[in-house]
C-alpha atoms as a PDB file:
ATOM      1  CA  UNK A   1     147.768  70.570 117.038  1.00  0.00           C
ATOM      2  CA  UNK A   2     145.743  73.595 118.009  1.00  0.00           C
ATOM      3  CA  UNK A   3     142.587  74.116 116.016  1.00  0.00           C
ATOM      4  CA  UNK A   4     141.777  77.697 116.988  1.00  0.00           C
ATOM      5  CA  UNK A   5     141.437  80.118 114.122  1.00  0.00           C
ATOM      6  CA  UNK A   6     140.086  83.656 113.853  1.00  0.00           C
ATOM      7  CA  UNK A   7     138.366  84.328 110.520  1.00  0.00           C
ATOM      8  CA  UNK A   8     136.623  87.563 109.615  1.00  0.00           C
ATOM      9  CA  UNK A   9     134.285  88.176 106.694  1.00  0.00           C
ATOM     10  CA  UNK A  10     134.211  91.704 105.349  1.00  0.00           C
ATOM     11  CA  UNK A  11     132.439  93.430 102.515  1.00  0.00           C
ATOM     12  CA  UNK A  12     130.156  96.280 101.498  1.00  0.00           C
ATOM     13  CA  UNK A  13     126.393  96.197 101.952  1.00  0.00           C
ATOM     14  CA  UNK A  14     124.790  93.345 100.021  1.00  0.00           C
ATOM     15  CA  UNK A  15     127.968  91.283  99.679  1.00  0.00           C
ATOM     16  CA  UNK A  16     126.535  88.205 101.398  1.00  0.00           C
ATOM     17  CA  UNK A  17     128.614  88.095 104.580  1.00  0.00           C
ATOM     18  CA  UNK A  18     125.952  86.431 106.721  1.00  0.00           C
ATOM     19  CA  UNK A  19     125.101  83.826 104.086  1.00  0.00           C
ATOM     20  CA  UNK A  20     128.735  82.853 103.613  1.00  0.00           C
ATOM     21  CA  UNK A  21     129.529  82.915 107.329  1.00  0.00           C
ATOM     22  CA  UNK A  22     126.730  80.390 107.885  1.00  0.00           C
ATOM     23  CA  UNK A  23     127.881  78.184 105.007  1.00  0.00           C
ATOM     24  CA  UNK A  24     131.449  78.235 106.296  1.00  0.00           C
ATOM     25  CA  UNK A  25     130.352  77.439 109.838  1.00  0.00           C
ATOM     26  CA  UNK A  26     128.297  74.466 108.647  1.00  0.00           C
ATOM     27  CA  UNK A  27     131.247  73.090 106.675  1.00  0.00           C
ATOM     28  CA  UNK A  28     133.682  73.417 109.572  1.00  0.00           C
ATOM     29  CA  UNK A  29     131.274  71.911 112.108  1.00  0.00           C
ATOM     30  CA  UNK A  30     130.795  68.900 109.838  1.00  0.00           C
ATOM     31  CA  UNK A  31     134.595  68.648 109.588  1.00  0.00           C
ATOM     32  CA  UNK A  32     134.820  68.368 113.372  1.00  0.00           C
ATOM     33  CA  UNK A  33     135.691  71.904 114.419  1.00  0.00           C
ATOM     34  CA  UNK A  34     134.062  73.750 117.297  1.00  0.00           C
ATOM     35  CA  UNK A  35     132.868  77.013 115.770  1.00  0.00           C
ATOM     36  CA  UNK A  36     131.616  80.344 117.101  1.00  0.00           C
ATOM     37  CA  UNK A  37     129.757  82.494 114.562  1.00  0.00           C
ATOM     38  CA  UNK A  38     129.430  86.084 115.686  1.00  0.00           C
ATOM     39  CA  UNK A  39     129.131  89.599 114.278  1.00  0.00           C
ATOM     40  CA  UNK A  40     130.052  93.242 114.738  1.00  0.00           C
ATOM     41  CA  UNK A  41     128.747  95.478 115.951  1.00  0.00           C
ATOM     42  CA  UNK A  42     127.142  93.041 118.358  1.00  0.00           C
ATOM     43  CA  UNK A  43     127.851  89.505 119.447  1.00  0.00           C
ATOM     44  CA  UNK A  44     126.871  89.914 123.102  1.00  0.00           C
ATOM     45  CA  UNK A  45     124.164  91.866 124.975  1.00  0.00           C
ATOM     46  CA  UNK A  46     126.158  95.057 125.619  1.00  0.00           C
ATOM     47  CA  UNK A  47     127.510  95.234 122.076  1.00  0.00           C
ATOM     48  CA  UNK A  48     124.078  94.464 120.611  1.00  0.00           C
ATOM     49  CA  UNK A  49     122.642  97.409 122.561  1.00  0.00           C
ATOM     50  CA  UNK A  50     125.336  99.642 121.060  1.00  0.00           C
ATOM     51  CA  UNK A  51     124.539  98.157 117.632  1.00  0.00           C
ATOM     52  CA  UNK A  52     120.951  99.366 117.966  1.00  0.00           C
ATOM     53  CA  UNK A  53     122.152 102.908 118.697  1.00  0.00           C
ATOM     54  CA  UNK A  54     124.601 102.849 115.793  1.00  0.00           C
ATOM     55  CA  UNK A  55     122.310 101.444 113.127  1.00  0.00           C
ATOM     56  CA  UNK A  56     118.953 102.982 114.013  1.00  0.00           C
ATOM     57  CA  UNK A  57     117.996 105.361 111.172  1.00  0.00           C
ATOM     58  CA  UNK A  58     116.357 107.591 113.785  1.00  0.00           C
ATOM     59  CA  UNK A  59     119.726 108.531 115.305  1.00  0.00           C
ATOM     60  CA  UNK A  60     122.028 111.275 114.057  1.00  0.00           C
ATOM     61  CA  UNK A  61     125.526 110.318 115.182  1.00  0.00           C
ATOM     62  CA  UNK A  62     128.652 112.466 114.861  1.00  0.00           C
ATOM     63  CA  UNK A  63     131.453 110.622 112.991  1.00  0.00           C
ATOM     64  CA  UNK A  64     133.813 110.558 116.004  1.00  0.00           C
ATOM     65  CA  UNK A  65     130.995 109.444 118.295  1.00  0.00           C
ATOM     66  CA  UNK A  66     130.228 106.710 115.774  1.00  0.00           C
ATOM     67  CA  UNK A  67     133.848 105.549 115.775  1.00  0.00           C
ATOM     68  CA  UNK A  68     134.047 105.468 119.575  1.00  0.00           C
ATOM     69  CA  UNK A  69     130.789 103.530 119.833  1.00  0.00           C
ATOM     70  CA  UNK A  70     132.020 100.937 117.341  1.00  0.00           C
ATOM     71  CA  UNK A  71     135.243 100.559 119.314  1.00  0.00           C
ATOM     72  CA  UNK A  72     133.380 100.277 122.626  1.00  0.00           C
ATOM     73  CA  UNK A  73     131.203  97.517 121.179  1.00  0.00           C
ATOM     74  CA  UNK A  74     134.310  95.828 119.764  1.00  0.00           C
ATOM     75  CA  UNK A  75     136.147  95.802 123.078  1.00  0.00           C
ATOM     76  CA  UNK A  76     133.183  94.280 124.906  1.00  0.00           C
ATOM     77  CA  UNK A  77     132.726  91.686 122.151  1.00  0.00           C
ATOM     78  CA  UNK A  78     136.431  90.837 121.984  1.00  0.00           C
ATOM     79  CA  UNK A  79     136.741  90.411 125.745  1.00  0.00           C
ATOM     80  CA  UNK A  80     133.496  88.473 126.229  1.00  0.00           C
ATOM     81  CA  UNK A  81     133.316  86.355 123.065  1.00  0.00           C
ATOM     82  CA  UNK A  82     136.416  86.250 120.870  1.00  0.00           C
ATOM     83  CA  UNK A  83     139.219  85.876 123.425  1.00  0.00           C
ATOM     84  CA  UNK A  84     137.438  83.133 125.425  1.00  0.00           C
ATOM     85  CA  UNK A  85     136.529  81.230 122.239  1.00  0.00           C
ATOM     86  CA  UNK A  86     140.079  81.284 120.885  1.00  0.00           C
ATOM     87  CA  UNK A  87     141.386  80.296 124.311  1.00  0.00           C
ATOM     88  CA  UNK A  88     139.063  77.278 124.215  1.00  0.00           C
ATOM     89  CA  UNK A  89     140.583  76.147 120.889  1.00  0.00           C
ATOM     90  CA  UNK A  90     137.569  77.129 118.811  1.00  0.00           C
ATOM     91  CA  UNK A  91     137.237  78.613 115.338  1.00  0.00           C
ATOM     92  CA  UNK A  92     135.747  82.106 115.431  1.00  0.00           C
ATOM     93  CA  UNK A  93     133.926  83.369 112.335  1.00  0.00           C
ATOM     94  CA  UNK A  94     133.090  87.048 112.720  1.00  0.00           C
ATOM     95  CA  UNK A  95     131.088  89.197 110.321  1.00  0.00           C
ATOM     96  CA  UNK A  96     133.055  92.457 110.261  1.00  0.00           C
ATOM     97  CA  UNK A  97     135.913  93.457 112.551  1.00  0.00           C
ATOM     98  CA  UNK A  98     138.619  96.128 112.495  1.00  0.00           C
ATOM     99  CA  UNK A  99     138.880  96.322 108.695  1.00  0.00           C
ATOM    100  CA  UNK A 100     135.273  97.507 108.572  1.00  0.00           C
ATOM    101  CA  UNK A 101     136.123 100.431 110.832  1.00  0.00           C
ATOM    102  CA  UNK A 102     139.058 101.403 108.636  1.00  0.00           C
ATOM    103  CA  UNK A 103     136.800 101.273 105.566  1.00  0.00           C
ATOM    104  CA  UNK A 104     133.638 102.898 106.947  1.00  0.00           C
ATOM    105  CA  UNK A 105     134.913 105.378 109.527  1.00  0.00           C
ATOM    106  CA  UNK A 106     138.372 105.935 108.033  1.00  0.00           C
ATOM    107  CA  UNK A 107     137.771 106.077 104.299  1.00  0.00           C
ATOM    108  CA  UNK A 108     133.994 106.600 104.346  1.00  0.00           C
ATOM    109  CA  UNK A 109     133.787 109.265 107.065  1.00  0.00           C
ATOM    110  CA  UNK A 110     137.264 110.671 106.525  1.00  0.00           C
ATOM    111  CA  UNK A 111     138.535 110.177 110.081  1.00  0.00           C
ATOM    112  CA  UNK A 112     142.330 110.137 110.386  1.00  0.00           C
ATOM    113  CA  UNK A 113     143.506 106.581 109.691  1.00  0.00           C
ATOM    114  CA  UNK A 114     146.098 106.738 112.471  1.00  0.00           C
ATOM    115  CA  UNK A 115     143.348 107.496 114.991  1.00  0.00           C
ATOM    116  CA  UNK A 116     141.299 104.570 113.664  1.00  0.00           C
ATOM    117  CA  UNK A 117     144.299 102.227 113.818  1.00  0.00           C
ATOM    118  CA  UNK A 118     145.167 103.301 117.365  1.00  0.00           C
ATOM    119  CA  UNK A 119     141.622 102.777 118.632  1.00  0.00           C
ATOM    120  CA  UNK A 120     141.420  99.424 116.848  1.00  0.00           C
ATOM    121  CA  UNK A 121     144.544  98.256 118.692  1.00  0.00           C
ATOM    122  CA  UNK A 122     143.142  99.380 122.035  1.00  0.00           C
ATOM    123  CA  UNK A 123     139.717  97.827 121.459  1.00  0.00           C
ATOM    124  CA  UNK A 124     141.117  94.451 120.375  1.00  0.00           C
ATOM    125  CA  UNK A 125     144.061  94.151 122.790  1.00  0.00           C
ATOM    126  CA  UNK A 126     146.125  93.814 119.629  1.00  0.00           C
ATOM    127  CA  UNK A 127     144.314  90.701 118.400  1.00  0.00           C
ATOM    128  CA  UNK A 128     144.231  90.319 114.616  1.00  0.00           C
ATOM    129  CA  UNK A 129     142.373  87.812 112.451  1.00  0.00           C
ATOM    130  CA  UNK A 130     144.369  84.902 111.041  1.00  0.00           C
ATOM    131  CA  UNK A 131     142.423  85.305 107.808  1.00  0.00           C
ATOM    132  CA  UNK A 132     140.095  87.950 106.432  1.00  0.00           C
ATOM    133  CA  UNK A 133     137.821  87.190 103.503  1.00  0.00           C
ATOM    134  CA  UNK A 134     136.829  90.367 101.707  1.00  0.00           C
ATOM    135  CA  UNK A 135     133.732  89.797  99.561  1.00  0.00           C
ATOM    136  CA  UNK A 136     133.987  92.396  96.831  1.00  0.00           C
ATOM    137  CA  UNK A 137     130.964  93.793  95.045  1.00  0.00           C
ATOM    138  CA  UNK A 138     130.300  97.045  93.198  1.00  0.00           C
ATOM    139  CA  UNK A 139     128.822  99.594  95.615  1.00  0.00           C
ATOM    140  CA  UNK A 140     125.768 100.326  93.450  1.00  0.00           C
ATOM    141  CA  UNK A 141     125.035  96.624  92.962  1.00  0.00           C
ATOM    142  CA  UNK A 142     125.561  95.805  96.635  1.00  0.00           C
ATOM    143  CA  UNK A 143     123.207  98.529  97.843  1.00  0.00           C
ATOM    144  CA  UNK A 144     120.561  97.396  95.371  1.00  0.00           C
ATOM    145  CA  UNK A 145     120.870  93.823  96.679  1.00  0.00           C
ATOM    146  CA  UNK A 146     120.685  94.960 100.307  1.00  0.00           C
ATOM    147  CA  UNK A 147     117.540  96.945  99.602  1.00  0.00           C
ATOM    148  CA  UNK A 148     115.879  93.934  97.964  1.00  0.00           C
ATOM    149  CA  UNK A 149     116.172  91.818 101.123  1.00  0.00           C
ATOM    150  CA  UNK A 150     112.923  90.416 102.495  1.00  0.00           C
ATOM    151  CA  UNK A 151     113.443  92.137 105.865  1.00  0.00           C
ATOM    152  CA  UNK A 152     114.361  95.507 104.344  1.00  0.00           C
ATOM    153  CA  UNK A 153     111.908  98.250 105.260  1.00  0.00           C
ATOM    154  CA  UNK A 154     113.613 101.626 105.492  1.00  0.00           C
ATOM    155  CA  UNK A 155     117.129 100.237 105.926  1.00  0.00           C
ATOM    156  CA  UNK A 156     119.590 100.807 108.740  1.00  0.00           C
ATOM    157  CA  UNK A 157     121.598 104.000 109.078  1.00  0.00           C
ATOM    158  CA  UNK A 158     124.487 102.676 106.968  1.00  0.00           C
ATOM    159  CA  UNK A 159     122.259 101.344 104.212  1.00  0.00           C
ATOM    160  CA  UNK A 160     120.703 104.806 103.935  1.00  0.00           C
ATOM    161  CA  UNK A 161     124.076 106.427 103.215  1.00  0.00           C
ATOM    162  CA  UNK A 162     124.741 107.688  99.692  1.00  0.00           C
ATOM    163  CA  UNK A 163     126.269 105.592  96.933  1.00  0.00           C
ATOM    164  CA  UNK A 164     129.228 107.993  96.994  1.00  0.00           C
ATOM    165  CA  UNK A 165     129.866 107.068 100.641  1.00  0.00           C
ATOM    166  CA  UNK A 166     129.703 103.351  99.858  1.00  0.00           C
ATOM    167  CA  UNK A 167     132.076 103.754  96.921  1.00  0.00           C
ATOM    168  CA  UNK A 168     134.605 105.302  99.314  1.00  0.00           C
ATOM    169  CA  UNK A 169     134.089 102.372 101.686  1.00  0.00           C
ATOM    170  CA  UNK A 170     134.750  99.856  98.926  1.00  0.00           C
ATOM    171  CA  UNK A 171     137.915 101.652  97.856  1.00  0.00           C
ATOM    172  CA  UNK A 172     139.035 101.656 101.482  1.00  0.00           C
ATOM    173  CA  UNK A 173     138.595  97.911 101.707  1.00  0.00           C
ATOM    174  CA  UNK A 174     140.539  97.384  98.492  1.00  0.00           C
ATOM    175  CA  UNK A 175     143.396  99.589  99.728  1.00  0.00           C
ATOM    176  CA  UNK A 176     143.563  97.584 102.958  1.00  0.00           C
ATOM    177  CA  UNK A 177     143.606  94.357 100.962  1.00  0.00           C
ATOM    178  CA  UNK A 178     146.510  95.584  98.860  1.00  0.00           C
ATOM    179  CA  UNK A 179     148.515  96.595 101.926  1.00  0.00           C
ATOM    180  CA  UNK A 180     147.809  93.352 103.834  1.00  0.00           C
ATOM    181  CA  UNK A 181     147.552  90.843 101.018  1.00  0.00           C
ATOM    182  CA  UNK A 182     148.807  87.902 103.097  1.00  0.00           C
ATOM    183  CA  UNK A 183     145.895  88.212 105.535  1.00  0.00           C
ATOM    184  CA  UNK A 184     143.127  89.760 103.434  1.00  0.00           C
ATOM    185  CA  UNK A 185     141.927  87.685 100.489  1.00  0.00           C
ATOM    186  CA  UNK A 186     139.724  89.420  97.936  1.00  0.00           C
ATOM    187  CA  UNK A 187     136.944  87.228  96.570  1.00  0.00           C
ATOM    188  CA  UNK A 188     134.639  88.799  93.972  1.00  0.00           C
ATOM    189  CA  UNK A 189     130.996  88.004  94.704  1.00  0.00           C
ATOM    190  CA  UNK A 190     129.593  85.653  92.069  1.00  0.00           C
ATOM    191  CA  UNK A 191     125.910  85.242  91.106  1.00  0.00           C
ATOM    192  CA  UNK A 192     126.313  81.557  92.023  1.00  0.00           C
ATOM    193  CA  UNK A 193     126.585  81.359  95.830  1.00  0.00           C
ATOM    194  CA  UNK A 194     128.264  77.946  95.679  1.00  0.00           C
ATOM    195  CA  UNK A 195     131.025  79.304  93.471  1.00  0.00           C
ATOM    196  CA  UNK A 196     131.827  82.035  95.991  1.00  0.00           C
ATOM    197  CA  UNK A 197     131.602  79.512  98.844  1.00  0.00           C
ATOM    198  CA  UNK A 198     134.138  77.209  97.185  1.00  0.00           C
ATOM    199  CA  UNK A 199     136.618  80.065  96.839  1.00  0.00           C
ATOM    200  CA  UNK A 200     136.176  80.972 100.502  1.00  0.00           C
ATOM    201  CA  UNK A 201     136.723  77.349 101.526  1.00  0.00           C
ATOM    202  CA  UNK A 202     139.883  77.184  99.459  1.00  0.00           C
ATOM    203  CA  UNK A 203     141.400  80.110 101.375  1.00  0.00           C
ATOM    204  CA  UNK A 204     140.257  78.813 104.769  1.00  0.00           C
ATOM    205  CA  UNK A 205     141.634  75.320 104.177  1.00  0.00           C
ATOM    206  CA  UNK A 206     145.029  76.745 103.197  1.00  0.00           C
ATOM    207  CA  UNK A 207     145.272  78.508 106.552  1.00  0.00           C
ATOM    208  CA  UNK A 208     144.049  75.478 108.505  1.00  0.00           C
ATOM    209  CA  UNK A 209     146.642  73.236 106.868  1.00  0.00           C
ATOM    210  CA  UNK A 210     149.392  75.713 107.719  1.00  0.00           C
ATOM    211  CA  UNK A 211     148.545  75.821 111.452  1.00  0.00           C
END
């Protein structure tokens, strides 16, 4: 039985993606799985360099330039990290992937969704996650949480966007979840981290048992 699985964690700012990706990785490693935990934009040196350009608050980036940079980082990351890991029968846990681009650049920036979808297909070689966990949180609450982080100074370029922008992003995620309900599972963020973690595990274990 093959153990490879591609899981993505999505959500607005302050939804706890990194925390829950780490908790999930720890659980799966203890269960005997070989796990790669990665992120977008980033995940390898080239993509991390693009991440710095994209998220630096000092940079003013045109929406289409932003989209193309995200897709360039994604292609490098997919080719160098995700495809080899899945080919080696590993579980890949990725913070953000194509659904983030639909939400942020499609719904948030207003770029044509067909253009976003086409570039996503090119950048990923058509690879799709087996399971996407969407951590849902109110945009106002999520931004407030993100800005309370210990390492928050001025925030990255996305965190500095308006609440109106982040509300559009959240609605974009929810629309994607409704249209792809078999793959995207909506999990409301709970004050108790363990409660949210248990719900994530429940969805992951269902997919693992079905493989």
